[in-house]
Every structure is written in C-alpha cells, then in structure tokens.
Amino acid sequence: MTGFKNFILKGNLIEIATGLIMALAFAAVVTTFTAWLTSLLPESASDVFSNEPNSFGAFLNAVISFLIMGAVVYFFIVLPYTKAKERFFPSEPEGTPADIALLEEIRDAIKARGGAV
C-alpha cells in the first residue's frame, strides 16, 4: 500500500491527468468558437444566438462547461491532492538546504584553518 501511495502522491500522475482533463475541456471551447466564427463569415448573422452547433450559444455553453469543469477539477481533485501530498510528504522547512549548509560548514572550516577559499 505504501508503494501505491508513493506512486499516486509523489509522481506527476495527478498533474498530468488534471492537465489532460482541462485541455480536453478547453478543446471544446476552441472548437465551438471556431465553428461560430466561421459560420458568421459566409452567411448572414441573423441567427447568431440560435441553438445550432455552429452558433454563439454553443460557444457560450462550451465556455460555461469549461468553467464548471475547471471548478470541479480544482475542488475535487487538485485541493484534496495538495492536502494529501502535504500531509504524507511535507515540504522541507524554509531555510538553507542541507547540502548548501554542509558546503558552507566546509568553507568556514577551511577559512578557520587559514586556507584560501
């Protein structure tokens, strides 16, 4: 079970899945916007707000769906993932990283002996 927990929380699985979900939702926004724009070019724009697939209403529907999808992904995937990751794998405390601190100690020891740094 520990291996699975590490796989889920330490890897980039959640970030990749979230990115893919949002990219697919945004693709619908771009597709409907492009369809709406191209439908306006050759013909009259008298039925801009109709319910046809190439209408502005379909574009607004795709934008609203994208925003709802973003909210759902954020509140039900990203927030719980972030909290679980911090709980099981806390970030290092603020300050100098251990390797830098060790190098500074070595530098100070060399200076104390009178060596050139």
N, C-alpha and C. Protein backbone atom coordinates (compact mmCIF):
# COMPACT_ATOMS: atom_id res chain seq x y z
N MET A 1 0.81 -1.19 0.00
CA MET A 1 0.00 0.00 0.00
C MET A 1 0.86 1.26 0.00
N THR A 2 2.02 1.22 0.66
CA THR A 2 2.90 2.37 0.70
C THR A 2 3.43 2.69 -0.69
N GLY A 3 3.75 1.67 -1.46
CA GLY A 3 4.23 1.89 -2.81
C GLY A 3 3.20 2.57 -3.68
N PHE A 4 1.95 2.16 -3.55
CA PHE A 4 0.88 2.78 -4.32
C PHE A 4 0.68 4.23 -3.90
N LYS A 5 0.74 4.49 -2.59
CA LYS A 5 0.59 5.85 -2.08
C LYS A 5 1.71 6.74 -2.62
N ASN A 6 2.94 6.22 -2.63
CA ASN A 6 4.05 6.98 -3.18
C ASN A 6 3.88 7.24 -4.67
N PHE A 7 3.40 6.24 -5.39
CA PHE A 7 3.17 6.38 -6.83
C PHE A 7 2.15 7.47 -7.12
N ILE A 8 1.06 7.48 -6.36
CA ILE A 8 -0.01 8.45 -6.59
C ILE A 8 0.41 9.85 -6.15
N LEU A 9 1.02 9.98 -4.98
CA LEU A 9 1.26 11.30 -4.42
C LEU A 9 2.61 11.91 -4.80
N LYS A 10 3.63 11.09 -5.05
CA LYS A 10 4.93 11.65 -5.37
C LYS A 10 5.12 11.87 -6.86
N GLY A 11 4.50 11.06 -7.66
CA GLY A 11 4.66 11.21 -9.10
C GLY A 11 3.83 12.36 -9.64
N ASN A 12 3.92 12.55 -10.92
CA ASN A 12 3.17 13.62 -11.56
C ASN A 12 1.88 13.12 -12.16
N LEU A 13 1.37 12.00 -11.69
CA LEU A 13 0.17 11.39 -12.26
C LEU A 13 -1.02 12.33 -12.16
N ILE A 14 -1.25 12.92 -11.01
CA ILE A 14 -2.39 13.80 -10.81
C ILE A 14 -2.25 15.07 -11.66
N GLU A 15 -1.04 15.64 -11.71
CA GLU A 15 -0.83 16.84 -12.51
C GLU A 15 -1.09 16.57 -13.99
N ILE A 16 -0.62 15.44 -14.48
CA ILE A 16 -0.81 15.09 -15.89
C ILE A 16 -2.29 14.85 -16.18
N ALA A 17 -2.97 14.12 -15.30
CA ALA A 17 -4.40 13.84 -15.52
C ALA A 17 -5.21 15.12 -15.48
N THR A 18 -4.90 16.01 -14.54
CA THR A 18 -5.61 17.28 -14.45
C THR A 18 -5.38 18.13 -15.70
N GLY A 19 -4.15 18.16 -16.16
CA GLY A 19 -3.84 18.90 -17.37
C GLY A 19 -4.57 18.35 -18.59
N LEU A 20 -4.65 17.03 -18.67
CA LEU A 20 -5.34 16.41 -19.79
C LEU A 20 -6.84 16.71 -19.75
N ILE A 21 -7.44 16.63 -18.59
CA ILE A 21 -8.87 16.92 -18.44
C ILE A 21 -9.16 18.36 -18.86
N MET A 22 -8.35 19.29 -18.38
CA MET A 22 -8.57 20.70 -18.70
C MET A 22 -8.29 20.98 -20.18
N ALA A 23 -7.30 20.32 -20.76
CA ALA A 23 -7.01 20.52 -22.18
C ALA A 23 -8.16 20.02 -23.05
N LEU A 24 -8.73 18.89 -22.69
CA LEU A 24 -9.86 18.37 -23.46
C LEU A 24 -11.08 19.28 -23.33
N ALA A 25 -11.31 19.82 -22.15
CA ALA A 25 -12.43 20.74 -21.97
C ALA A 25 -12.19 22.03 -22.74
N PHE A 26 -10.96 22.51 -22.76
CA PHE A 26 -10.65 23.74 -23.49
C PHE A 26 -10.72 23.51 -24.99
N ALA A 27 -10.44 22.30 -25.43
CA ALA A 27 -10.56 21.98 -26.86
C ALA A 27 -11.99 22.19 -27.34
N ALA A 28 -12.96 21.86 -26.52
CA ALA A 28 -14.36 22.08 -26.88
C ALA A 28 -14.66 23.57 -27.02
N VAL A 29 -14.07 24.39 -26.15
CA VAL A 29 -14.26 25.83 -26.24
C VAL A 29 -13.69 26.35 -27.55
N VAL A 30 -12.48 25.93 -27.88
CA VAL A 30 -11.84 26.40 -29.12
C VAL A 30 -12.61 25.91 -30.34
N THR A 31 -13.06 24.66 -30.31
CA THR A 31 -13.79 24.11 -31.46
C THR A 31 -15.09 24.86 -31.69
N THR A 32 -15.86 25.10 -30.64
CA THR A 32 -17.13 25.80 -30.83
C THR A 32 -16.93 27.26 -31.20
N PHE A 33 -15.89 27.89 -30.66
CA PHE A 33 -15.61 29.28 -31.02
C PHE A 33 -15.23 29.38 -32.50
N THR A 34 -14.39 28.46 -32.95
CA THR A 34 -14.00 28.46 -34.36
C THR A 34 -15.20 28.18 -35.25
N ALA A 35 -16.04 27.25 -34.87
CA ALA A 35 -17.24 26.95 -35.66
C ALA A 35 -18.18 28.15 -35.71
N TRP A 36 -18.32 28.85 -34.60
CA TRP A 36 -19.18 30.03 -34.58
C TRP A 36 -18.61 31.13 -35.48
N LEU A 37 -17.30 31.36 -35.38
CA LEU A 37 -16.69 32.40 -36.21
C LEU A 37 -16.82 32.09 -37.70
N THR A 38 -16.55 30.86 -38.06
CA THR A 38 -16.63 30.51 -39.48
C THR A 38 -18.07 30.51 -39.98
N SER A 39 -19.03 30.27 -39.10
CA SER A 39 -20.42 30.32 -39.54
C SER A 39 -20.87 31.74 -39.81
N LEU A 40 -20.23 32.71 -39.19
CA LEU A 40 -20.58 34.12 -39.41
C LEU A 40 -20.02 34.67 -40.71
N LEU A 41 -18.94 34.15 -41.16
CA LEU A 41 -18.25 34.73 -42.31
C LEU A 41 -19.05 34.65 -43.61
N PRO A 42 -19.45 33.50 -44.11
CA PRO A 42 -20.06 33.48 -45.44
C PRO A 42 -21.53 33.86 -45.47
N GLU A 43 -22.25 33.72 -44.37
CA GLU A 43 -23.70 33.93 -44.37
C GLU A 43 -24.07 35.08 -43.46
N SER A 44 -25.34 35.41 -43.41
CA SER A 44 -25.79 36.50 -42.55
C SER A 44 -25.72 36.05 -41.09
N ALA A 45 -25.62 37.01 -40.22
CA ALA A 45 -25.51 36.73 -38.80
C ALA A 45 -26.85 36.92 -38.10
N SER A 46 -27.94 36.69 -38.79
CA SER A 46 -29.26 36.92 -38.19
C SER A 46 -29.59 35.91 -37.10
N ASP A 47 -29.05 34.71 -37.21
CA ASP A 47 -29.35 33.69 -36.20
C ASP A 47 -28.12 33.38 -35.34
N VAL A 48 -27.46 34.42 -34.85
CA VAL A 48 -26.23 34.26 -34.07
C VAL A 48 -26.50 33.52 -32.77
N PHE A 49 -27.63 33.77 -32.11
CA PHE A 49 -27.92 33.16 -30.82
C PHE A 49 -28.83 31.95 -30.93
N SER A 50 -28.80 31.27 -32.05
CA SER A 50 -29.66 30.09 -32.21
C SER A 50 -29.03 28.90 -31.50
N ASN A 51 -29.71 27.78 -31.51
CA ASN A 51 -29.23 26.58 -30.84
C ASN A 51 -28.50 25.63 -31.78
N GLU A 52 -28.11 26.09 -32.93
CA GLU A 52 -27.37 25.25 -33.86
C GLU A 52 -25.96 24.99 -33.32
N PRO A 53 -25.33 23.92 -33.76
CA PRO A 53 -23.98 23.61 -33.27
C PRO A 53 -22.96 24.69 -33.60
N ASN A 54 -23.18 25.46 -34.64
CA ASN A 54 -22.24 26.50 -35.03
C ASN A 54 -22.69 27.88 -34.59
N SER A 55 -23.37 27.99 -33.49
CA SER A 55 -23.90 29.28 -33.04
C SER A 55 -23.10 29.80 -31.85
N PHE A 56 -23.35 31.09 -31.56
CA PHE A 56 -22.71 31.71 -30.40
C PHE A 56 -23.20 31.08 -29.10
N GLY A 57 -24.44 30.62 -29.09
CA GLY A 57 -24.98 29.95 -27.91
C GLY A 57 -24.21 28.68 -27.59
N ALA A 58 -23.80 27.94 -28.62
CA ALA A 58 -23.00 26.73 -28.39
C ALA A 58 -21.64 27.10 -27.82
N PHE A 59 -21.07 28.22 -28.30
CA PHE A 59 -19.79 28.69 -27.75
C PHE A 59 -19.93 29.07 -26.28
N LEU A 60 -20.97 29.82 -25.95
CA LEU A 60 -21.19 30.19 -24.54
C LEU A 60 -21.39 28.95 -23.67
N ASN A 61 -22.10 27.97 -24.20
CA ASN A 61 -22.30 26.72 -23.48
C ASN A 61 -20.96 26.03 -23.23
N ALA A 62 -20.09 26.03 -24.22
CA ALA A 62 -18.77 25.41 -24.05
C ALA A 62 -17.92 26.15 -23.03
N VAL A 63 -18.00 27.49 -23.03
CA VAL A 63 -17.24 28.28 -22.05
C VAL A 63 -17.74 28.00 -20.64
N ILE A 64 -19.05 27.99 -20.47
CA ILE A 64 -19.62 27.72 -19.14
C ILE A 64 -19.27 26.30 -18.70
N SER A 65 -19.34 25.35 -19.61
CA SER A 65 -18.97 23.97 -19.27
C SER A 65 -17.50 23.89 -18.87
N PHE A 66 -16.65 24.62 -19.58
CA PHE A 66 -15.22 24.65 -19.25
C PHE A 66 -15.00 25.21 -17.85
N LEU A 67 -15.68 26.30 -17.52
CA LEU A 67 -15.51 26.90 -16.19
C LEU A 67 -16.02 25.97 -15.09
N ILE A 68 -17.14 25.31 -15.33
CA ILE A 68 -17.66 24.35 -14.35
C ILE A 68 -16.70 23.18 -14.21
N MET A 69 -16.18 22.68 -15.34
CA MET A 69 -15.22 21.57 -15.30
C MET A 69 -13.97 21.98 -14.53
N GLY A 70 -13.51 23.22 -14.75
CA GLY A 70 -12.34 23.71 -14.03
C GLY A 70 -12.58 23.77 -12.53
N ALA A 71 -13.76 24.24 -12.13
CA ALA A 71 -14.09 24.32 -10.71
C ALA A 71 -14.17 22.92 -10.09
N VAL A 72 -14.80 21.99 -10.80
CA VAL A 72 -14.91 20.62 -10.29
C VAL A 72 -13.53 19.98 -10.15
N VAL A 73 -12.70 20.14 -11.17
CA VAL A 73 -11.35 19.56 -11.12
C VAL A 73 -10.55 20.18 -9.98
N TYR A 74 -10.65 21.50 -9.82
CA TYR A 74 -9.89 22.16 -8.76
C TYR A 74 -10.35 21.72 -7.37
N PHE A 75 -11.66 21.77 -7.13
CA PHE A 75 -12.16 21.50 -5.78
C PHE A 75 -12.21 20.02 -5.43
N PHE A 76 -12.34 19.14 -6.42
CA PHE A 76 -12.46 17.71 -6.12
C PHE A 76 -11.21 16.89 -6.45
N ILE A 77 -10.25 17.48 -7.16
CA ILE A 77 -9.02 16.74 -7.47
C ILE A 77 -7.80 17.48 -6.95
N VAL A 78 -7.62 18.74 -7.35
CA VAL A 78 -6.40 19.46 -7.02
C VAL A 78 -6.29 19.75 -5.53
N LEU A 79 -7.32 20.31 -4.91
CA LEU A 79 -7.25 20.62 -3.48
C LEU A 79 -7.04 19.38 -2.61
N PRO A 80 -7.84 18.31 -2.78
CA PRO A 80 -7.58 17.12 -1.96
C PRO A 80 -6.20 16.53 -2.21
N TYR A 81 -5.75 16.54 -3.46
CA TYR A 81 -4.41 16.02 -3.78
C TYR A 81 -3.33 16.84 -3.08
N THR A 82 -3.46 18.16 -3.12
CA THR A 82 -2.46 19.02 -2.49
C THR A 82 -2.42 18.81 -0.98
N LYS A 83 -3.60 18.69 -0.37
CA LYS A 83 -3.65 18.47 1.08
C LYS A 83 -3.08 17.11 1.46
N ALA A 84 -3.40 16.08 0.68
CA ALA A 84 -2.87 14.75 0.96
C ALA A 84 -1.36 14.71 0.75
N LYS A 85 -0.88 15.38 -0.26
CA LYS A 85 0.56 15.41 -0.52
C LYS A 85 1.30 16.11 0.61
N GLU A 86 0.76 17.22 1.10
CA GLU A 86 1.39 17.92 2.22
C GLU A 86 1.32 17.09 3.50
N ARG A 87 0.25 16.32 3.67
CA ARG A 87 0.12 15.52 4.88
C ARG A 87 1.09 14.35 4.89
N PHE A 88 1.19 13.65 3.76
CA PHE A 88 2.02 12.46 3.72
C PHE A 88 3.47 12.76 3.35
N PHE A 89 3.71 13.81 2.62
CA PHE A 89 5.06 14.19 2.19
C PHE A 89 5.25 15.68 2.42
N PRO A 90 5.46 16.09 3.69
CA PRO A 90 5.59 17.52 3.99
C PRO A 90 6.81 18.11 3.30
N SER A 91 6.69 19.36 2.90
CA SER A 91 7.80 20.03 2.23
C SER A 91 8.88 20.35 3.26
N GLU A 92 10.09 20.54 2.74
CA GLU A 92 11.20 20.85 3.64
C GLU A 92 11.00 22.22 4.25
N PRO A 93 11.43 22.40 5.49
CA PRO A 93 11.26 23.69 6.14
C PRO A 93 12.07 24.77 5.41
N GLU A 94 11.62 26.01 5.59
CA GLU A 94 12.30 27.14 4.97
C GLU A 94 13.71 27.25 5.54
N GLY A 95 14.61 27.74 4.77
CA GLY A 95 15.99 27.92 5.22
C GLY A 95 16.95 27.36 4.19
N THR A 96 18.17 27.21 4.63
CA THR A 96 19.21 26.73 3.74
C THR A 96 19.09 25.22 3.57
N PRO A 97 19.13 24.72 2.32
CA PRO A 97 19.09 23.28 2.11
C PRO A 97 20.30 22.61 2.78
N ALA A 98 20.15 21.34 3.10
CA ALA A 98 21.19 20.61 3.83
C ALA A 98 22.51 20.58 3.08
N ASP A 99 22.49 20.38 1.78
CA ASP A 99 23.74 20.31 1.03
C ASP A 99 24.47 21.65 1.00
N ILE A 100 23.72 22.74 0.91
CA ILE A 100 24.34 24.07 0.93
C ILE A 100 24.91 24.37 2.31
N ALA A 101 24.19 23.99 3.35
CA ALA A 101 24.68 24.20 4.72
C ALA A 101 25.98 23.43 4.94
N LEU A 102 26.06 22.22 4.43
CA LEU A 102 27.27 21.42 4.57
C LEU A 102 28.43 22.07 3.84
N LEU A 103 28.20 22.56 2.65
CA LEU A 103 29.25 23.24 1.89
C LEU A 103 29.71 24.52 2.61
N GLU A 104 28.77 25.23 3.23
CA GLU A 104 29.16 26.42 4.00
C GLU A 104 30.00 26.06 5.21
N GLU A 105 29.67 24.95 5.87
CA GLU A 105 30.48 24.48 7.01
C GLU A 105 31.89 24.13 6.56
N ILE A 106 32.00 23.46 5.44
CA ILE A 106 33.32 23.10 4.92
C ILE A 106 34.11 24.37 4.58
N ARG A 107 33.48 25.33 3.93
CA ARG A 107 34.14 26.60 3.60
C ARG A 107 34.62 27.30 4.86
N ASP A 108 33.75 27.36 5.88
CA ASP A 108 34.12 28.04 7.13
C ASP A 108 35.26 27.31 7.83
N ALA A 109 35.28 25.98 7.78
CA ALA A 109 36.36 25.21 8.40
C ALA A 109 37.68 25.46 7.70
N ILE A 110 37.64 25.57 6.38
CA ILE A 110 38.85 25.86 5.63
C ILE A 110 39.36 27.26 5.95
N LYS A 111 38.45 28.23 6.05
CA LYS A 111 38.83 29.60 6.42
C LYS A 111 39.44 29.64 7.82
N ALA A 112 38.86 28.85 8.73
CA ALA A 112 39.33 28.86 10.12
C ALA A 112 40.75 28.31 10.23
N ARG A 113 41.11 27.39 9.34
CA ARG A 113 42.46 26.83 9.35
C ARG A 113 43.47 27.76 8.67
N GLY A 114 42.96 28.79 8.05
CA GLY A 114 43.85 29.74 7.38
C GLY A 114 44.06 29.42 5.92
N GLY A 115 43.29 28.56 5.39
CA GLY A 115 43.41 28.20 3.97
C GLY A 115 42.71 29.23 3.10
N ALA A 116 43.08 29.26 1.84
CA ALA A 116 42.46 30.17 0.89
C ALA A 116 41.20 29.53 0.33
N VAL A 117 40.21 30.36 0.18
CA VAL A 117 38.95 29.84 -0.37
C VAL A 117 38.72 30.40 -1.74
